Amino acid sequence: ARGIDILNQFLIEAVLLSVTGGVIGVALGVGASYAVKLLAHWPIYIQAWSIIMSFAVCTFTGIFFGWYPAKKAAQLDPIEAIRYE
């Protein structure tokens, strides 16, 4: 595998994990909001832009914190990496 392939694989994995966490977080947040609405009779307002922004932040976080490990993995010789695992 070429270095760019390894870099892409690590970045895709980081973004998918971040977005999955974002989906779970949004679902829990919306669920908790509706629970508060039912129990405390408070009005809730969930706007689409806040959900979109949360996914954008999750994606950016995955790219930002996945870049360095992906870059280091892409620079490793695969045989040497396996030898020391």
Protein backbone atom coordinates (compact mmCIF):
# COMPACT_ATOMS: atom_id res chain seq x y z
CA ALA A 1 0.00 0.00 0.00
CA ARG A 2 1.17 3.48 -0.78
CA GLY A 3 1.56 6.14 1.88
CA ILE A 4 -1.43 8.11 0.60
CA ASP A 5 -3.61 4.99 0.89
CA ILE A 6 -2.62 4.50 4.52
CA LEU A 7 -3.14 8.20 5.22
CA ASN A 8 -6.62 8.06 3.70
CA GLN A 9 -7.51 4.91 5.61
CA PHE A 10 -6.54 6.45 8.96
CA LEU A 11 -8.32 9.73 8.22
CA ILE A 12 -11.51 7.97 7.09
CA GLU A 13 -11.47 5.87 10.24
CA ALA A 14 -10.98 8.95 12.44
CA VAL A 15 -13.80 10.86 10.72
CA LEU A 16 -16.18 7.88 10.85
CA LEU A 17 -15.54 7.42 14.57
CA SER A 18 -16.06 11.13 15.19
CA VAL A 19 -19.27 11.30 13.17
CA THR A 20 -20.58 8.15 14.87
CA GLY A 21 -19.95 9.84 18.21
CA GLY A 22 -21.71 12.92 16.86
CA VAL A 23 -24.77 10.90 15.85
CA ILE A 24 -24.94 9.29 19.28
CA GLY A 25 -24.42 12.67 20.98
CA VAL A 26 -27.13 14.40 18.94
CA ALA A 27 -29.54 11.53 19.55
CA LEU A 28 -28.89 11.63 23.30
CA GLY A 29 -29.14 15.42 23.36
CA VAL A 30 -32.45 15.48 21.50
CA GLY A 31 -33.76 12.64 23.65
CA ALA A 32 -32.75 14.41 26.85
CA SER A 33 -34.36 17.63 25.60
CA TYR A 34 -37.65 15.88 24.97
CA ALA A 35 -37.44 14.16 28.36
CA VAL A 36 -37.02 17.54 30.05
CA LYS A 37 -39.92 18.87 27.99
CA LEU A 38 -42.17 16.04 29.14
CA LEU A 39 -41.09 16.05 32.78
CA ALA A 40 -40.65 19.76 33.45
CA HIS A 41 -43.03 21.11 30.79
CA TRP A 42 -40.35 23.43 29.43
CA PRO A 43 -40.48 24.45 25.79
CA ILE A 44 -37.62 23.23 23.62
CA TYR A 45 -36.36 24.59 20.34
CA ILE A 46 -33.98 22.41 18.38
CA GLN A 47 -32.79 24.16 15.27
CA ALA A 48 -31.36 22.41 12.23
CA TRP A 49 -28.27 24.63 12.13
CA SER A 50 -27.21 23.48 15.60
CA ILE A 51 -27.35 19.84 14.51
CA ILE A 52 -25.49 20.63 11.28
CA MET A 53 -22.84 22.54 13.22
CA SER A 54 -22.38 19.66 15.65
CA PHE A 55 -21.69 17.30 12.75
CA ALA A 56 -19.31 19.84 11.21
CA VAL A 57 -17.42 20.10 14.50
CA CYS A 58 -17.30 16.30 14.79
CA THR A 59 -15.92 15.99 11.27
CA PHE A 60 -13.33 18.72 11.84
CA THR A 61 -12.29 17.12 15.13
CA GLY A 62 -11.81 13.75 13.42
CA ILE A 63 -9.66 15.29 10.70
CA PHE A 64 -7.69 17.49 13.08
CA PHE A 65 -6.85 14.81 15.64
CA GLY A 66 -6.55 12.03 13.07
CA TRP A 67 -4.06 13.84 10.84
CA TYR A 68 -0.90 13.37 12.94
CA PRO A 69 -1.31 9.61 13.57
CA ALA A 70 -2.29 9.12 9.94
CA LYS A 71 0.78 11.02 8.75
CA LYS A 72 3.07 9.01 11.04
CA ALA A 73 1.52 5.71 9.92
CA ALA A 74 1.89 6.67 6.26
CA GLN A 75 5.61 7.28 6.78
CA LEU A 76 6.28 3.91 8.41
CA ASP A 77 7.69 0.97 6.52
CA PRO A 78 4.93 -1.68 6.72
CA ILE A 79 7.39 -4.52 7.40
CA GLU A 80 9.01 -2.62 10.27
CA ALA A 81 5.61 -1.66 11.71
CA ILE A 82 4.47 -5.29 11.74
CA ARG A 83 7.77 -6.49 13.19
CA TYR A 84 7.41 -4.33 16.32
CA GLU A 85 3.69 -4.89 16.88
